Amino acid sequence: MAAMSELILTQTEDHVGVCTLNRPEVLNALSVELMDQLIAALEAFDNDPNVYVMVITGSEKVFAAGADIADMAEASVVEMMEHNYLARWLRIKAIRKPIIAAVSGYALGGGCELAMHCDIIIASESAKFGQPEINIGVMPGAGGTQRLTRAIGKFKAMEVILNGRFLSAQEAFEAGLVTRVVAKEQFLAEAMRLAHQIAQRPPIALKLAKEAVLKADEMSLSEGLEYERKLFYSLFATEDQKEGMRAFLEKRKAAYKGK
């Protein structure tokens, strides 16, 4: 595993890029520096033609327990707006390749929001999700009120956000927030297994399929269907489409090149 910095560890395994949050002494609190380095790592993977899928993870004990409160405890409204700390999150949203969150232990506040910025969440049975910002005088600001509500519905999201209650891994799965719950010892291995499976698919189609799914939250059904149709047709300009369909007809495994 190569260190991009002491705060983010990065590695690649075949066509999968992995980012590991590495501030164990403060439960992986998402400081400005850590976020900048995480975003730089994700953007590097997004621009690497040999990386098709990404994984973000922490440790078995904690994914990320929230933002680094020391960064903002004494900030004024003007300082928060001028520094525009939360605008960094738009760069994660702009990543085009699929991202899998491998979550064990606490994913709270910004940690929960980071997991929700990913496209698939694999959770260990010990995972706990929550938006406890209300307990320190604020509210979620990096998408918690919007993404959590879309994932689990208004009424459950209200309880989690207004009362600072944590969701267990099983509750999160049953509510629709989590893709899969696995044994604590298997959470990263399962996320990597899934990442390698997805990485066998055509890379351009992966990016466009992710884009289309994300647009479902932002468009009406008729707009979304039209958008999907245009992306579908555009894939017929790729070599991978020709290879995929020929391989299907010839009953062989396709060899995708991302072209």
Protein backbone atom coordinates (compact mmCIF):
# COMPACT_ATOMS: atom_id res chain seq x y z
CA MET A 1 0.00 0.00 0.00
CA ALA A 2 1.50 3.33 -1.06
CA ALA A 3 1.01 6.46 1.04
CA MET A 4 -0.25 9.50 -0.81
CA SER A 5 0.15 11.23 2.55
CA GLU A 6 -0.14 10.25 6.16
CA LEU A 7 -3.88 11.00 6.03
CA ILE A 8 -4.86 8.98 2.94
CA LEU A 9 -3.35 5.66 1.91
CA THR A 10 -3.82 4.67 -1.72
CA GLN A 11 -3.26 1.49 -3.67
CA THR A 12 -4.37 -0.08 -6.93
CA GLU A 13 -5.22 -3.72 -7.44
CA ASP A 14 -5.83 -4.65 -11.06
CA HIS A 15 -8.45 -2.08 -12.16
CA VAL A 16 -9.54 -1.08 -8.63
CA GLY A 17 -8.24 2.01 -6.82
CA VAL A 18 -8.47 2.06 -3.02
CA CYS A 19 -8.42 5.09 -0.70
CA THR A 20 -8.04 4.38 3.03
CA LEU A 21 -8.77 7.13 5.56
CA ASN A 22 -5.86 7.21 8.00
CA ARG A 23 -6.39 9.46 11.06
CA PRO A 24 -6.99 6.72 13.64
CA GLU A 25 -6.06 8.93 16.59
CA VAL A 26 -9.17 11.10 15.94
CA LEU A 27 -11.46 8.40 14.51
CA ASN A 28 -10.74 9.50 10.93
CA ALA A 29 -12.22 12.97 11.49
CA LEU A 30 -12.57 14.67 8.11
CA SER A 31 -10.26 17.65 8.43
CA VAL A 32 -9.82 20.11 5.58
CA GLU A 33 -6.42 18.58 4.81
CA LEU A 34 -7.75 15.04 4.78
CA MET A 35 -10.64 16.00 2.51
CA ASP A 36 -8.31 17.78 0.10
CA GLN A 37 -6.06 14.74 -0.07
CA LEU A 38 -8.97 12.33 -0.46
CA ILE A 39 -10.41 14.39 -3.30
CA ALA A 40 -7.01 14.57 -4.99
CA ALA A 41 -6.68 10.78 -4.74
CA LEU A 42 -10.18 10.17 -6.13
CA GLU A 43 -9.63 12.59 -9.00
CA ALA A 44 -6.31 10.91 -9.81
CA PHE A 45 -8.06 7.54 -9.98
CA ASP A 46 -10.86 9.09 -12.05
CA ASN A 47 -8.26 10.28 -14.57
CA ASP A 48 -6.32 7.01 -14.59
CA PRO A 49 -7.40 4.91 -17.61
CA ASN A 50 -6.32 1.74 -15.80
CA VAL A 51 -8.71 2.30 -12.87
CA TYR A 52 -12.34 1.39 -13.49
CA VAL A 53 -13.78 1.29 -9.94
CA MET A 54 -12.82 2.85 -6.60
CA VAL A 55 -13.20 1.84 -2.96
CA ILE A 56 -13.17 4.20 0.03
CA THR A 57 -12.65 2.65 3.45
CA GLY A 58 -11.44 3.32 6.97
CA SER A 59 -10.57 0.78 9.64
CA GLU A 60 -12.53 -2.03 11.24
CA LYS A 61 -13.22 0.32 14.18
CA VAL A 62 -14.33 3.42 12.31
CA PHE A 63 -15.08 4.64 8.79
CA ALA A 64 -15.19 8.32 9.78
CA ALA A 65 -16.73 9.77 12.92
CA GLY A 66 -17.50 13.14 11.33
CA ALA A 67 -15.98 16.46 10.42
CA ASP A 68 -13.04 17.85 12.37
CA ILE A 69 -14.88 20.20 14.73
CA ALA A 70 -11.65 22.03 15.55
CA ASP A 71 -11.65 23.35 11.97
CA MET A 72 -14.89 25.26 12.47
CA ALA A 73 -15.78 25.61 16.16
CA GLU A 74 -15.04 29.35 16.33
CA ALA A 75 -15.77 30.24 12.71
CA SER A 76 -18.12 33.07 11.78
CA VAL A 77 -20.76 32.97 9.07
CA VAL A 78 -18.53 35.09 6.85
CA GLU A 79 -15.54 32.78 7.39
CA MET A 80 -17.60 29.70 6.59
CA MET A 81 -18.96 31.28 3.42
CA GLU A 82 -15.61 32.68 2.29
CA HIS A 83 -13.73 29.42 2.85
CA ASN A 84 -16.70 27.52 1.37
CA TYR A 85 -15.48 24.29 2.93
CA LEU A 86 -18.54 22.34 1.83
CA ALA A 87 -17.97 23.15 -1.85
CA ARG A 88 -15.22 20.50 -1.82
CA TRP A 89 -17.91 17.85 -1.68
CA LEU A 90 -19.08 18.80 -5.18
CA ARG A 91 -15.79 17.43 -6.49
CA ILE A 92 -16.61 14.01 -5.03
CA LYS A 93 -20.05 14.19 -6.63
CA ALA A 94 -18.32 14.90 -9.95
CA ILE A 95 -16.31 11.65 -9.92
CA ARG A 96 -17.54 9.67 -12.91
CA LYS A 97 -16.38 6.17 -12.05
CA PRO A 98 -18.25 3.96 -9.55
CA ILE A 99 -17.23 4.31 -5.90
CA ILE A 100 -17.86 1.65 -3.26
CA ALA A 101 -17.82 2.58 0.43
CA ALA A 102 -16.53 -0.21 2.69
CA VAL A 103 -17.86 0.80 6.10
CA SER A 104 -17.13 -0.70 9.51
CA GLY A 105 -17.77 0.97 12.85
CA TYR A 106 -18.90 4.58 12.97
CA ALA A 107 -19.98 6.51 9.87
CA LEU A 108 -21.32 9.67 11.48
CA GLY A 109 -21.95 13.21 10.31
CA GLY A 110 -19.53 13.89 7.48
CA GLY A 111 -18.59 10.20 7.58
CA CYS A 112 -22.17 9.22 6.81
CA GLU A 113 -22.31 11.91 4.13
CA LEU A 114 -19.08 10.58 2.60
CA ALA A 115 -20.53 7.07 2.45
CA MET A 116 -23.67 8.49 0.81
CA HIS A 117 -21.54 10.22 -1.83
CA CYS A 118 -20.48 6.73 -2.90
CA ASP A 119 -22.54 4.57 -5.23
CA ILE A 120 -22.62 1.32 -3.24
CA ILE A 121 -22.23 0.82 0.52
CA ILE A 122 -20.91 -2.46 1.91
CA ALA A 123 -21.30 -2.40 5.71
CA SER A 124 -19.89 -4.62 8.41
CA GLU A 125 -22.36 -5.84 11.00
CA SER A 126 -20.75 -3.39 13.45
CA ALA A 127 -21.41 -0.31 11.30
CA LYS A 128 -23.43 2.58 12.70
CA PHE A 129 -24.74 5.42 10.54
CA GLY A 130 -25.96 8.78 11.79
CA GLN A 131 -26.16 12.53 11.41
CA PRO A 132 -25.61 13.78 14.99
CA GLU A 133 -24.79 17.38 14.06
CA ILE A 134 -27.88 18.55 15.96
CA ASN A 135 -26.05 17.67 19.18
CA ILE A 136 -23.42 20.35 18.58
CA GLY A 137 -25.75 23.14 17.52
CA VAL A 138 -25.82 22.71 13.76
CA MET A 139 -27.29 20.39 11.13
CA PRO A 140 -25.93 18.28 8.27
CA GLY A 141 -24.36 20.48 5.61
CA ALA A 142 -22.68 18.15 3.10
CA GLY A 143 -25.82 16.50 1.79
CA GLY A 144 -27.11 14.68 4.87
CA THR A 145 -30.60 16.15 4.83
CA GLN A 146 -30.99 15.49 1.11
CA ARG A 147 -29.27 12.16 0.48
CA LEU A 148 -30.44 10.47 3.67
CA THR A 149 -34.04 11.51 3.01
CA ARG A 150 -33.87 10.16 -0.53
CA ALA A 151 -32.35 6.92 0.73
CA ILE A 152 -34.57 6.08 3.72
CA GLY A 153 -37.60 8.38 3.42
CA LYS A 154 -38.75 11.53 5.18
CA PHE A 155 -40.04 10.10 8.45
CA LYS A 156 -37.06 7.94 9.37
CA ALA A 157 -34.63 10.64 8.18
CA MET A 158 -36.38 13.16 10.43
CA GLU A 159 -35.81 10.97 13.48
CA VAL A 160 -32.15 10.38 12.64
CA ILE A 161 -31.42 14.06 11.90
CA LEU A 162 -33.59 15.77 14.51
CA ASN A 163 -32.75 13.40 17.35
CA GLY A 164 -29.21 12.40 16.43
CA ARG A 165 -30.08 8.70 16.51
CA PHE A 166 -27.74 6.14 14.99
CA LEU A 167 -28.88 3.43 12.59
CA SER A 168 -27.39 -0.03 13.01
CA ALA A 169 -26.07 -1.76 9.93
CA GLN A 170 -29.15 -3.95 9.76
CA GLU A 171 -31.52 -0.99 10.19
CA ALA A 172 -29.65 0.89 7.48
CA PHE A 173 -29.91 -2.11 5.17
CA GLU A 174 -33.64 -2.56 5.81
CA ALA A 175 -34.23 1.17 5.26
CA GLY A 176 -32.42 1.13 1.91
CA LEU A 177 -29.26 3.04 2.86
CA VAL A 178 -26.87 0.07 2.69
CA THR A 179 -26.33 -2.35 -0.20
CA ARG A 180 -25.17 -5.32 1.84
CA VAL A 181 -24.26 -6.25 5.45
CA VAL A 182 -21.46 -8.74 6.05
CA ALA A 183 -19.41 -10.04 8.97
CA LYS A 184 -17.02 -7.51 10.45
CA GLU A 185 -14.02 -9.53 9.33
CA GLN A 186 -15.27 -9.57 5.73
CA PHE A 187 -16.40 -5.99 5.01
CA LEU A 188 -13.33 -4.89 3.04
CA ALA A 189 -12.85 -8.23 1.31
CA GLU A 190 -16.51 -8.16 0.21
CA ALA A 191 -16.19 -4.59 -1.08
CA MET A 192 -13.06 -5.54 -3.01
CA ARG A 193 -14.72 -8.66 -4.39
CA LEU A 194 -17.61 -6.58 -5.69
CA ALA A 195 -15.26 -3.90 -7.03
CA HIS A 196 -13.33 -6.51 -9.01
CA GLN A 197 -16.57 -7.93 -10.40
CA ILE A 198 -17.74 -4.49 -11.54
CA ALA A 199 -14.29 -3.74 -12.96
CA GLN A 200 -14.82 -6.59 -15.45
CA ARG A 201 -17.62 -4.57 -17.08
CA PRO A 202 -17.08 -2.06 -19.92
CA PRO A 203 -15.61 1.12 -18.34
CA ILE A 204 -17.41 3.70 -20.49
CA ALA A 205 -20.77 2.01 -19.95
CA LEU A 206 -20.06 1.94 -16.20
CA LYS A 207 -19.58 5.70 -16.12
CA LEU A 208 -22.68 6.45 -18.18
CA ALA A 209 -24.84 3.99 -16.22
CA LYS A 210 -23.74 5.65 -12.95
CA GLU A 211 -24.54 9.05 -14.44
CA ALA A 212 -28.01 7.93 -15.48
CA VAL A 213 -28.85 6.44 -12.07
CA LEU A 214 -27.75 9.62 -10.28
CA LYS A 215 -29.91 11.72 -12.58
CA ALA A 216 -32.97 9.78 -11.40
CA ASP A 217 -32.93 11.88 -8.21
CA GLU A 218 -32.83 15.13 -10.16
CA MET A 219 -35.22 14.62 -13.07
CA SER A 220 -38.83 13.78 -13.68
CA LEU A 221 -39.49 10.30 -15.03
CA SER A 222 -40.02 11.53 -18.60
CA GLU A 223 -36.83 13.62 -18.49
CA GLY A 224 -34.89 10.73 -16.99
CA LEU A 225 -36.09 8.29 -19.62
CA GLU A 226 -35.05 10.66 -22.41
CA TYR A 227 -31.64 11.19 -20.77
CA GLU A 228 -31.16 7.44 -20.37
CA ARG A 229 -32.10 6.82 -23.99
CA LYS A 230 -29.51 9.31 -25.26
CA LEU A 231 -26.76 7.77 -23.15
CA PHE A 232 -27.77 4.30 -24.34
CA TYR A 233 -27.54 5.33 -27.99
CA SER A 234 -24.19 7.06 -27.42
CA LEU A 235 -22.62 3.78 -26.30
CA PHE A 236 -23.02 2.46 -29.85
CA ALA A 237 -20.09 4.73 -30.74
CA THR A 238 -17.77 2.66 -28.52
CA GLU A 239 -15.59 -0.30 -29.42
CA ASP A 240 -16.67 -1.95 -26.17
CA GLN A 241 -20.28 -2.12 -27.36
CA LYS A 242 -19.24 -3.93 -30.51
CA GLU A 243 -16.97 -6.26 -28.52
CA GLY A 244 -19.61 -6.95 -25.87
CA MET A 245 -22.35 -7.86 -28.31
CA ARG A 246 -20.06 -9.89 -30.55
CA ALA A 247 -18.77 -11.80 -27.53
CA PHE A 248 -22.33 -12.52 -26.45
CA LEU A 249 -23.24 -13.86 -29.90
CA GLU A 250 -20.02 -15.86 -30.11
CA LYS A 251 -20.52 -17.23 -26.57
CA ARG A 252 -17.14 -16.05 -25.29
CA LYS A 253 -15.94 -13.65 -22.60
CA ALA A 254 -15.66 -10.05 -23.77
CA ALA A 255 -12.33 -8.23 -23.63
CA TYR A 256 -13.19 -4.61 -22.86
CA LYS A 257 -10.65 -1.83 -23.45
CA GLY A 258 -12.51 1.28 -22.37
CA LYS A 259 -12.73 2.59 -25.93
